[in-house]
Amino acid sequence: MFFVDDNALVACFERGVTEDLVKELAGHEPLRVLFRDNGFVSDAVKINVEQIFRQLSLVTEVKSL
């Protein structure tokens, strides 16, 4: 996991990303966050990522590769 230029970008290439980790990252309110597409523990977590960021950090642009 990398934090670039304070909270301008958070790049998370970990495997096993959970909702708790997503919520923790959203709490930092980064401008952009990037996840590994196959890094989530389940499809449900992957689907919920954008919703979690909408609730906790409206300014964050979310992407997965």
PDB file of N, CA and C in Angstrom:
ATOM      1  N   MET A   1       0.847  -1.160   0.000  1.00  0.00           N
ATOM      2  CA  MET A   1       0.000   0.000   0.000  1.00  0.00           C
ATOM      3  C   MET A   1       0.896   1.228   0.000  1.00  0.00           C
ATOM      4  N   PHE A   2       0.556   2.185  -0.849  1.00  0.00           N
ATOM      5  CA  PHE A   2       1.367   3.391  -0.989  1.00  0.00           C
ATOM      6  C   PHE A   2       0.498   4.630  -0.840  1.00  0.00           C
ATOM      7  N   PHE A   3       0.979   5.584  -0.053  1.00  0.00           N
ATOM      8  CA  PHE A   3       0.353   6.895   0.065  1.00  0.00           C
ATOM      9  C   PHE A   3       1.261   7.867  -0.665  1.00  0.00           C
ATOM     10  N   VAL A   4       0.743   8.537  -1.684  1.00  0.00           N
ATOM     11  CA  VAL A   4       1.541   9.424  -2.517  1.00  0.00           C
ATOM     12  C   VAL A   4       1.106  10.868  -2.284  1.00  0.00           C
ATOM     13  N   ASP A   5       2.090  11.747  -2.062  1.00  0.00           N
ATOM     14  CA  ASP A   5       1.827  13.181  -1.880  1.00  0.00           C
ATOM     15  C   ASP A   5       0.728  13.399  -0.845  1.00  0.00           C
ATOM     16  N   ASP A   6       1.029  12.982   0.380  1.00  0.00           N
ATOM     17  CA  ASP A   6       0.070  12.974   1.481  1.00  0.00           C
ATOM     18  C   ASP A   6      -1.112  12.092   1.109  1.00  0.00           C
ATOM     19  N   ASN A   7      -2.258  12.687   0.829  1.00  0.00           N
ATOM     20  CA  ASN A   7      -3.448  11.900   0.492  1.00  0.00           C
ATOM     21  C   ASN A   7      -3.936  12.161  -0.927  1.00  0.00           C
ATOM     22  N   ALA A   8      -3.035  12.572  -1.807  1.00  0.00           N
ATOM     23  CA  ALA A   8      -3.446  12.794  -3.199  1.00  0.00           C
ATOM     24  C   ALA A   8      -3.791  11.473  -3.874  1.00  0.00           C
ATOM     25  N   LEU A   9      -3.046  10.412  -3.529  1.00  0.00           N
ATOM     26  CA  LEU A   9      -3.284   9.104  -4.124  1.00  0.00           C
ATOM     27  C   LEU A   9      -2.947   8.023  -3.116  1.00  0.00           C
ATOM     28  N   VAL A  10      -3.838   7.055  -3.003  1.00  0.00           N
ATOM     29  CA  VAL A  10      -3.558   5.843  -2.239  1.00  0.00           C
ATOM     30  C   VAL A  10      -3.639   4.685  -3.221  1.00  0.00           C
ATOM     31  N   ALA A  11      -2.554   3.939  -3.335  1.00  0.00           N
ATOM     32  CA  ALA A  11      -2.503   2.776  -4.219  1.00  0.00           C
ATOM     33  C   ALA A  11      -2.417   1.533  -3.356  1.00  0.00           C
ATOM     34  N   CYS A  12      -3.420   0.695  -3.446  1.00  0.00           N
ATOM     35  CA  CYS A  12      -3.498  -0.516  -2.635  1.00  0.00           C
ATOM     36  C   CYS A  12      -3.478  -1.731  -3.559  1.00  0.00           C
ATOM     37  N   PHE A  13      -2.336  -2.407  -3.588  1.00  0.00           N
ATOM     38  CA  PHE A  13      -2.182  -3.576  -4.447  1.00  0.00           C
ATOM     39  C   PHE A  13      -2.153  -4.863  -3.634  1.00  0.00           C
ATOM     40  N   GLU A  14      -2.652  -4.786  -2.413  1.00  0.00           N
ATOM     41  CA  GLU A  14      -2.698  -5.940  -1.527  1.00  0.00           C
ATOM     42  C   GLU A  14      -3.721  -6.954  -2.021  1.00  0.00           C
ATOM     43  N   ARG A  15      -3.577  -8.168  -1.559  1.00  0.00           N
ATOM     44  CA  ARG A  15      -4.602  -9.206  -1.767  1.00  0.00           C
ATOM     45  C   ARG A  15      -5.350  -9.368  -0.447  1.00  0.00           C
ATOM     46  N   GLY A  16      -6.596  -9.737  -0.532  1.00  0.00           N
ATOM     47  CA  GLY A  16      -7.381  -9.941   0.679  1.00  0.00           C
ATOM     48  C   GLY A  16      -7.948  -8.665   1.273  1.00  0.00           C
ATOM     49  N   VAL A  17      -8.230  -7.677   0.429  1.00  0.00           N
ATOM     50  CA  VAL A  17      -8.777  -6.400   0.892  1.00  0.00           C
ATOM     51  C   VAL A  17     -10.190  -6.623   1.430  1.00  0.00           C
ATOM     52  N   THR A  18     -10.420  -6.186   2.654  1.00  0.00           N
ATOM     53  CA  THR A  18     -11.715  -6.341   3.321  1.00  0.00           C
ATOM     54  C   THR A  18     -12.439  -5.003   3.399  1.00  0.00           C
ATOM     55  N   GLU A  19     -13.706  -5.051   3.785  1.00  0.00           N
ATOM     56  CA  GLU A  19     -14.477  -3.815   3.972  1.00  0.00           C
ATOM     57  C   GLU A  19     -13.871  -2.961   5.072  1.00  0.00           C
ATOM     58  N   ASP A  20     -13.335  -3.591   6.105  1.00  0.00           N
ATOM     59  CA  ASP A  20     -12.710  -2.822   7.193  1.00  0.00           C
ATOM     60  C   ASP A  20     -11.528  -2.009   6.683  1.00  0.00           C
ATOM     61  N   LEU A  21     -10.705  -2.606   5.824  1.00  0.00           N
ATOM     62  CA  LEU A  21      -9.569  -1.882   5.250  1.00  0.00           C
ATOM     63  C   LEU A  21     -10.061  -0.750   4.357  1.00  0.00           C
ATOM     64  N   VAL A  22     -11.084  -1.003   3.572  1.00  0.00           N
ATOM     65  CA  VAL A  22     -11.645   0.032   2.700  1.00  0.00           C
ATOM     66  C   VAL A  22     -12.154   1.198   3.541  1.00  0.00           C
ATOM     67  N   LYS A  23     -12.835   0.916   4.629  1.00  0.00           N
ATOM     68  CA  LYS A  23     -13.342   1.972   5.511  1.00  0.00           C
ATOM     69  C   LYS A  23     -12.200   2.765   6.129  1.00  0.00           C
ATOM     70  N   GLU A  24     -11.139   2.076   6.506  1.00  0.00           N
ATOM     71  CA  GLU A  24      -9.971   2.758   7.072  1.00  0.00           C
ATOM     72  C   GLU A  24      -9.353   3.706   6.038  1.00  0.00           C
ATOM     73  N   LEU A  25      -9.213   3.234   4.808  1.00  0.00           N
ATOM     74  CA  LEU A  25      -8.666   4.084   3.753  1.00  0.00           C
ATOM     75  C   LEU A  25      -9.584   5.268   3.473  1.00  0.00           C
ATOM     76  N   ALA A  26     -10.879   5.045   3.454  1.00  0.00           N
ATOM     77  CA  ALA A  26     -11.841   6.127   3.215  1.00  0.00           C
ATOM     78  C   ALA A  26     -11.748   7.190   4.301  1.00  0.00           C
ATOM     79  N   GLY A  27     -11.410   6.777   5.505  1.00  0.00           N
ATOM     80  CA  GLY A  27     -11.252   7.721   6.608  1.00  0.00           C
ATOM     81  C   GLY A  27     -10.130   8.721   6.388  1.00  0.00           C
ATOM     82  N   HIS A  28      -9.163   8.381   5.545  1.00  0.00           N
ATOM     83  CA  HIS A  28      -8.065   9.293   5.216  1.00  0.00           C
ATOM     84  C   HIS A  28      -8.474  10.327   4.173  1.00  0.00           C
ATOM     85  N   GLU A  29      -9.635  10.138   3.543  1.00  0.00           N
ATOM     86  CA  GLU A  29     -10.191  11.034   2.536  1.00  0.00           C
ATOM     87  C   GLU A  29      -9.189  11.389   1.424  1.00  0.00           C
ATOM     88  N   PRO A  30      -8.641  10.370   0.751  1.00  0.00           N
ATOM     89  CA  PRO A  30      -7.714  10.670  -0.342  1.00  0.00           C
ATOM     90  C   PRO A  30      -8.461  11.226  -1.556  1.00  0.00           C
ATOM     91  N   LEU A  31      -7.732  11.939  -2.413  1.00  0.00           N
ATOM     92  CA  LEU A  31      -8.357  12.440  -3.646  1.00  0.00           C
ATOM     93  C   LEU A  31      -8.643  11.291  -4.608  1.00  0.00           C
ATOM     94  N   ARG A  32      -7.704  10.328  -4.664  1.00  0.00           N
ATOM     95  CA  ARG A  32      -7.876   9.149  -5.530  1.00  0.00           C
ATOM     96  C   ARG A  32      -7.408   7.919  -4.781  1.00  0.00           C
ATOM     97  N   VAL A  33      -8.065   6.799  -5.069  1.00  0.00           N
ATOM     98  CA  VAL A  33      -7.634   5.522  -4.516  1.00  0.00           C
ATOM     99  C   VAL A  33      -7.668   4.491  -5.636  1.00  0.00           C
ATOM    100  N   LEU A  34      -6.643   3.664  -5.656  1.00  0.00           N
ATOM    101  CA  LEU A  34      -6.500   2.669  -6.709  1.00  0.00           C
ATOM    102  C   LEU A  34      -6.334   1.296  -6.063  1.00  0.00           C
ATOM    103  N   PHE A  35      -7.154   0.340  -6.489  1.00  0.00           N
ATOM    104  CA  PHE A  35      -7.111  -1.025  -5.964  1.00  0.00           C
ATOM    105  C   PHE A  35      -6.742  -1.999  -7.065  1.00  0.00           C
ATOM    106  N   ARG A  36      -6.157  -3.104  -6.679  1.00  0.00           N
ATOM    107  CA  ARG A  36      -5.928  -4.227  -7.579  1.00  0.00           C
ATOM    108  C   ARG A  36      -7.285  -4.886  -7.816  1.00  0.00           C
ATOM    109  N   ASP A  37      -7.645  -5.119  -9.061  1.00  0.00           N
ATOM    110  CA  ASP A  37      -8.972  -5.637  -9.393  1.00  0.00           C
ATOM    111  C   ASP A  37      -9.265  -6.979  -8.726  1.00  0.00           C
ATOM    112  N   ASN A  38      -8.277  -7.846  -8.626  1.00  0.00           N
ATOM    113  CA  ASN A  38      -8.502  -9.160  -8.017  1.00  0.00           C
ATOM    114  C   ASN A  38      -7.985  -9.214  -6.579  1.00  0.00           C
ATOM    115  N   GLY A  39      -7.848  -8.061  -5.938  1.00  0.00           N
ATOM    116  CA  GLY A  39      -7.315  -8.018  -4.587  1.00  0.00           C
ATOM    117  C   GLY A  39      -8.345  -8.113  -3.473  1.00  0.00           C
ATOM    118  N   PHE A  40      -9.607  -8.115  -3.818  1.00  0.00           N
ATOM    119  CA  PHE A  40     -10.660  -8.117  -2.795  1.00  0.00           C
ATOM    120  C   PHE A  40     -10.963  -9.535  -2.325  1.00  0.00           C
ATOM    121  N   VAL A  41     -11.358  -9.679  -1.062  1.00  0.00           N
ATOM    122  CA  VAL A  41     -11.657 -11.005  -0.518  1.00  0.00           C
ATOM    123  C   VAL A  41     -12.893 -11.624  -1.159  1.00  0.00           C
ATOM    124  N   SER A  42     -13.783 -10.772  -1.684  1.00  0.00           N
ATOM    125  CA  SER A  42     -14.993 -11.293  -2.328  1.00  0.00           C
ATOM    126  C   SER A  42     -15.518 -10.268  -3.330  1.00  0.00           C
ATOM    127  N   ASP A  43     -16.392 -10.732  -4.193  1.00  0.00           N
ATOM    128  CA  ASP A  43     -17.030  -9.817  -5.148  1.00  0.00           C
ATOM    129  C   ASP A  43     -17.907  -8.801  -4.423  1.00  0.00           C
ATOM    130  N   ALA A  44     -18.491  -9.206  -3.312  1.00  0.00           N
ATOM    131  CA  ALA A  44     -19.345  -8.295  -2.543  1.00  0.00           C
ATOM    132  C   ALA A  44     -18.545  -7.093  -2.052  1.00  0.00           C
ATOM    133  N   VAL A  45     -17.340  -7.332  -1.568  1.00  0.00           N
ATOM    134  CA  VAL A  45     -16.489  -6.226  -1.098  1.00  0.00           C
ATOM    135  C   VAL A  45     -16.148  -5.317  -2.278  1.00  0.00           C
ATOM    136  N   LYS A  46     -15.790  -5.906  -3.396  1.00  0.00           N
ATOM    137  CA  LYS A  46     -15.449  -5.123  -4.591  1.00  0.00           C
ATOM    138  C   LYS A  46     -16.617  -4.233  -5.003  1.00  0.00           C
ATOM    139  N   ILE A  47     -17.816  -4.771  -4.952  1.00  0.00           N
ATOM    140  CA  ILE A  47     -19.013  -4.013  -5.321  1.00  0.00           C
ATOM    141  C   ILE A  47     -19.281  -2.884  -4.326  1.00  0.00           C
ATOM    142  N   ASN A  48     -19.028  -3.126  -3.051  1.00  0.00           N
ATOM    143  CA  ASN A  48     -19.334  -2.150  -2.000  1.00  0.00           C
ATOM    144  C   ASN A  48     -18.318  -1.025  -1.863  1.00  0.00           C
ATOM    145  N   VAL A  49     -17.154  -1.147  -2.497  1.00  0.00           N
ATOM    146  CA  VAL A  49     -16.097  -0.148  -2.332  1.00  0.00           C
ATOM    147  C   VAL A  49     -16.584   1.258  -2.675  1.00  0.00           C
ATOM    148  N   GLU A  50     -17.190   1.432  -3.822  1.00  0.00           N
ATOM    149  CA  GLU A  50     -17.630   2.767  -4.222  1.00  0.00           C
ATOM    150  C   GLU A  50     -18.686   3.315  -3.266  1.00  0.00           C
ATOM    151  N   GLN A  51     -19.578   2.453  -2.805  1.00  0.00           N
ATOM    152  CA  GLN A  51     -20.607   2.895  -1.857  1.00  0.00           C
ATOM    153  C   GLN A  51     -19.982   3.343  -0.536  1.00  0.00           C
ATOM    154  N   ILE A  52     -18.996   2.612  -0.073  1.00  0.00           N
ATOM    155  CA  ILE A  52     -18.316   2.973   1.177  1.00  0.00           C
ATOM    156  C   ILE A  52     -17.657   4.342   1.029  1.00  0.00           C
ATOM    157  N   PHE A  53     -16.969   4.562  -0.090  1.00  0.00           N
ATOM    158  CA  PHE A  53     -16.324   5.856  -0.294  1.00  0.00           C
ATOM    159  C   PHE A  53     -17.350   6.974  -0.449  1.00  0.00           C
ATOM    160  N   ARG A  54     -18.503   6.699  -1.050  1.00  0.00           N
ATOM    161  CA  ARG A  54     -19.549   7.729  -1.151  1.00  0.00           C
ATOM    162  C   ARG A  54     -20.038   8.145   0.227  1.00  0.00           C
ATOM    163  N   GLN A  55     -20.100   7.199   1.139  1.00  0.00           N
ATOM    164  CA  GLN A  55     -20.576   7.497   2.494  1.00  0.00           C
ATOM    165  C   GLN A  55     -19.526   8.197   3.336  1.00  0.00           C
ATOM    166  N   LEU A  56     -18.261   7.797   3.186  1.00  0.00           N
ATOM    167  CA  LEU A  56     -17.227   8.277   4.096  1.00  0.00           C
ATOM    168  C   LEU A  56     -16.296   9.333   3.508  1.00  0.00           C
ATOM    169  N   SER A  57     -16.214   9.418   2.188  1.00  0.00           N
ATOM    170  CA  SER A  57     -15.295  10.359   1.557  1.00  0.00           C
ATOM    171  C   SER A  57     -15.801  10.717   0.165  1.00  0.00           C
ATOM    172  N   LEU A  58     -16.649  11.698   0.105  1.00  0.00           N
ATOM    173  CA  LEU A  58     -17.284  12.081  -1.164  1.00  0.00           C
ATOM    174  C   LEU A  58     -16.295  12.574  -2.207  1.00  0.00           C
ATOM    175  N   VAL A  59     -15.150  13.085  -1.788  1.00  0.00           N
ATOM    176  CA  VAL A  59     -14.201  13.672  -2.732  1.00  0.00           C
ATOM    177  C   VAL A  59     -13.330  12.630  -3.450  1.00  0.00           C
ATOM    178  N   THR A  60     -13.356  11.392  -3.016  1.00  0.00           N
ATOM    179  CA  THR A  60     -12.434  10.385  -3.528  1.00  0.00           C
ATOM    180  C   THR A  60     -12.910   9.764  -4.845  1.00  0.00           C
ATOM    181  N   GLU A  61     -11.980   9.714  -5.807  1.00  0.00           N
ATOM    182  CA  GLU A  61     -12.202   9.018  -7.062  1.00  0.00           C
ATOM    183  C   GLU A  61     -11.654   7.594  -6.885  1.00  0.00           C
ATOM    184  N   VAL A  62     -12.483   6.591  -7.125  1.00  0.00           N
ATOM    185  CA  VAL A  62     -12.121   5.191  -6.893  1.00  0.00           C
ATOM    186  C   VAL A  62     -11.918   4.470  -8.224  1.00  0.00           C
ATOM    187  N   LYS A  63     -10.791   3.753  -8.340  1.00  0.00           N
ATOM    188  CA  LYS A  63     -10.504   2.958  -9.537  1.00  0.00           C
ATOM    189  C   LYS A  63      -9.944   1.605  -9.130  1.00  0.00           C
ATOM    190  N   SER A  64     -10.169   0.596  -9.956  1.00  0.00           N
ATOM    191  CA  SER A  64      -9.479  -0.677  -9.794  1.00  0.00           C
ATOM    192  C   SER A  64      -8.930  -1.132 -11.135  1.00  0.00           C
ATOM    193  N   LEU A  65      -7.749  -1.712 -11.062  1.00  0.00           N
ATOM    194  CA  LEU A  65      -7.053  -2.189 -12.266  1.00  0.00           C
ATOM    195  C   LEU A  65      -6.856  -3.670 -12.184  1.00  0.00           C
TER     196      LEU A  65
END
